Amino acid sequence: MIDPVRMQVLAVFGGSVATPEEQVVAERVGATAAQCGWVVLTGGGSGVMAAASRGAVEAGGLTMAILPNAIPGGGYPNPWVHIPVFTGAGSARNAFNVLSASLCVAIGGGAGTLSEIALALKNGVAVWSWRSWGVSDPKGDTPSELRAFNDADELISALEDALA
């Protein structure tokens, strides 16, 4: 059940190096979440993370980032992060991103994105992915918490419905 007082959090995962198309989709995801009143949470870096944050800010939303470093530097946080949370935890911060979210969206990405997907699934947090990692168990079954989209418009439409 969604808590009517606490702001809902959409975590957006993806690579710090992203294609132009991945950045456009991430920006749309961030904007959609913001328009629905959700906080956009990322890892605070460049690429997909910056694009999602930028989309949210430009739509009037609130952004936060769970950062791998203890102090600003190395491109962290990106300029669209309202609330930076400096952890000094490196990649271990991925667990905090997952556990802070009501829903996660993975866009493209590398091994860090895969780790976030796995952590979310392990903790029962739903993950929607667009051109990101596919995951199945040893029997070949896809976890029920994972929903894959190949069409960006379908992803955005589903988000509009789910976040409203």
Protein backbone atom coordinates (compact mmCIF):
# COMPACT_ATOMS: atom_id res chain seq x y z
CA MET A 1 0.00 0.00 0.00
CA ILE A 2 1.27 3.47 -0.83
CA ASP A 3 1.77 5.70 2.22
CA PRO A 4 -0.26 8.92 1.70
CA VAL A 5 2.22 11.02 3.72
CA ARG A 6 5.66 9.81 2.63
CA MET A 7 6.76 10.87 -0.84
CA GLN A 8 7.14 7.93 -3.18
CA VAL A 9 10.56 7.25 -4.66
CA LEU A 10 11.35 6.05 -8.18
CA ALA A 11 14.94 4.85 -8.53
CA VAL A 12 16.45 5.09 -12.00
CA PHE A 13 19.45 2.86 -12.76
CA GLY A 14 21.71 3.01 -15.76
CA GLY A 15 25.19 3.58 -17.03
CA SER A 16 27.29 6.68 -16.51
CA VAL A 17 28.04 6.34 -20.22
CA ALA A 18 24.74 6.26 -22.10
CA THR A 19 23.62 6.48 -25.69
CA PRO A 20 21.65 9.55 -26.76
CA GLU A 21 18.52 7.37 -26.95
CA GLU A 22 19.06 6.05 -23.41
CA GLN A 23 19.43 9.62 -22.18
CA VAL A 24 16.20 10.70 -23.88
CA VAL A 25 14.28 7.80 -22.32
CA ALA A 26 15.83 8.46 -18.89
CA GLU A 27 14.86 12.13 -19.14
CA ARG A 28 11.28 11.13 -20.00
CA VAL A 29 11.19 8.68 -17.07
CA GLY A 30 12.42 11.39 -14.68
CA ALA A 31 9.91 13.92 -16.00
CA THR A 32 7.04 11.43 -15.76
CA ALA A 33 7.89 10.60 -12.15
CA ALA A 34 8.14 14.29 -11.24
CA GLN A 35 4.82 15.10 -12.89
CA CYS A 36 3.23 12.35 -10.80
CA GLY A 37 4.74 13.77 -7.59
CA TRP A 38 7.41 11.11 -7.08
CA VAL A 39 11.00 11.78 -5.99
CA VAL A 40 13.58 10.65 -8.55
CA LEU A 41 16.52 8.80 -6.97
CA THR A 42 19.70 7.93 -8.86
CA GLY A 43 23.33 7.17 -8.18
CA GLY A 44 24.06 10.82 -8.93
CA GLY A 45 26.55 10.40 -11.78
CA SER A 46 26.47 11.18 -15.49
CA GLY A 47 24.69 9.39 -18.34
CA VAL A 48 21.33 7.85 -17.46
CA MET A 49 21.54 9.18 -13.90
CA ALA A 50 22.03 12.80 -15.00
CA ALA A 51 19.37 12.54 -17.70
CA ALA A 52 16.72 11.18 -15.30
CA SER A 53 17.56 13.89 -12.77
CA ARG A 54 17.50 16.60 -15.43
CA GLY A 55 14.10 15.43 -16.67
CA ALA A 56 12.70 15.50 -13.15
CA VAL A 57 14.09 18.97 -12.38
CA GLU A 58 12.84 20.42 -15.66
CA ALA A 59 9.39 19.02 -14.83
CA GLY A 60 9.46 20.71 -11.42
CA GLY A 61 10.29 17.60 -9.41
CA LEU A 62 12.61 16.70 -6.56
CA THR A 63 15.75 14.64 -7.04
CA MET A 64 18.13 12.89 -4.72
CA ALA A 65 21.19 10.74 -5.18
CA ILE A 66 22.89 8.11 -3.06
CA LEU A 67 26.53 8.80 -3.97
CA PRO A 68 29.48 6.42 -3.95
CA ASN A 69 31.90 9.05 -2.69
CA ALA A 70 32.30 10.77 0.68
CA ILE A 71 32.79 14.28 -0.76
CA PRO A 72 31.92 15.98 -4.07
CA GLY A 73 34.21 15.03 -6.94
CA GLY A 74 34.67 12.88 -10.00
CA GLY A 75 31.41 14.10 -11.55
CA TYR A 76 29.38 13.28 -8.42
CA PRO A 77 26.84 14.64 -7.88
CA ASN A 78 25.58 15.77 -11.26
CA PRO A 79 24.17 19.33 -11.34
CA TRP A 80 20.53 18.17 -11.24
CA VAL A 81 20.71 16.52 -7.82
CA HIS A 82 18.78 18.45 -5.17
CA ILE A 83 19.62 16.17 -2.24
CA PRO A 84 23.06 14.50 -2.38
CA VAL A 85 23.69 11.71 0.12
CA PHE A 86 27.45 11.17 0.39
CA THR A 87 28.18 7.63 1.60
CA GLY A 88 31.81 6.84 0.88
CA ALA A 89 30.45 3.33 0.28
CA GLY A 90 31.46 2.90 -3.36
CA SER A 91 29.28 0.40 -5.20
CA ALA A 92 27.77 -0.77 -1.91
CA ARG A 93 25.58 2.32 -2.17
CA ASN A 94 23.56 0.40 -4.77
CA ALA A 95 21.78 -1.39 -1.93
CA PHE A 96 20.65 1.94 -0.46
CA ASN A 97 19.27 3.03 -3.83
CA VAL A 98 17.23 -0.14 -4.14
CA LEU A 99 15.93 -0.22 -0.59
CA SER A 100 14.84 3.44 -0.76
CA ALA A 101 12.62 2.91 -3.82
CA SER A 102 9.04 1.83 -4.31
CA LEU A 103 9.78 1.06 -7.96
CA CYS A 104 13.01 0.89 -9.97
CA VAL A 105 13.58 1.57 -13.66
CA ALA A 106 16.72 0.23 -15.34
CA ILE A 107 17.83 1.78 -18.62
CA GLY A 108 20.76 0.17 -20.44
CA GLY A 109 23.74 0.03 -18.09
CA GLY A 110 26.66 -2.13 -17.16
CA ALA A 111 27.57 -4.37 -14.26
CA GLY A 112 26.55 -1.74 -11.68
CA THR A 113 23.06 -1.65 -13.15
CA LEU A 114 22.94 -5.44 -13.11
CA SER A 115 23.88 -5.42 -9.42
CA GLU A 116 21.07 -2.96 -8.67
CA ILE A 117 18.57 -5.12 -10.56
CA ALA A 118 19.69 -8.21 -8.63
CA LEU A 119 19.53 -6.40 -5.28
CA ALA A 120 16.05 -5.10 -6.07
CA LEU A 121 14.78 -8.53 -7.05
CA LYS A 122 16.36 -10.10 -3.95
CA ASN A 123 14.46 -7.58 -1.81
CA GLY A 124 11.13 -7.85 -3.63
CA VAL A 125 11.32 -4.38 -5.19
CA ALA A 126 9.80 -4.21 -8.66
CA VAL A 127 12.13 -3.42 -11.56
CA TRP A 128 11.00 -2.21 -14.94
CA SER A 129 13.67 -2.26 -17.59
CA TRP A 130 14.13 -0.71 -20.99
CA ARG A 131 16.89 -2.26 -23.08
CA SER A 132 18.68 -3.35 -19.95
CA TRP A 133 19.76 -6.63 -18.41
CA GLY A 134 17.50 -9.65 -18.67
CA VAL A 135 17.47 -11.90 -15.63
CA SER A 136 16.23 -15.44 -15.21
CA ASP A 137 16.72 -18.10 -12.58
CA PRO A 138 18.53 -21.39 -13.30
CA LYS A 139 15.23 -22.89 -14.53
CA GLY A 140 14.90 -20.07 -17.06
CA ASP A 141 12.04 -18.33 -15.25
CA THR A 142 11.92 -14.53 -15.09
CA PRO A 143 11.17 -13.14 -11.61
CA SER A 144 7.67 -11.71 -11.31
CA GLU A 145 9.10 -8.39 -10.05
CA LEU A 146 10.91 -7.80 -13.37
CA ARG A 147 9.03 -6.28 -16.29
CA ALA A 148 10.91 -5.65 -19.53
CA PHE A 149 9.94 -3.04 -22.12
CA ASN A 150 11.33 -2.78 -25.64
CA ASP A 151 9.27 0.26 -26.58
CA ALA A 152 9.96 3.52 -24.72
CA ASP A 153 6.43 4.83 -25.26
CA GLU A 154 5.00 1.69 -23.64
CA LEU A 155 7.30 2.17 -20.66
CA ILE A 156 6.27 5.81 -20.22
CA SER A 157 2.57 4.97 -20.59
CA ALA A 158 2.87 2.19 -17.98
CA LEU A 159 4.71 4.56 -15.64
CA GLU A 160 2.04 7.23 -16.03
CA ASP A 161 -0.59 4.67 -15.02
CA ALA A 162 1.41 3.15 -12.15
CA LEU A 163 2.68 6.40 -10.61
CA ALA A 164 -0.59 8.34 -10.78
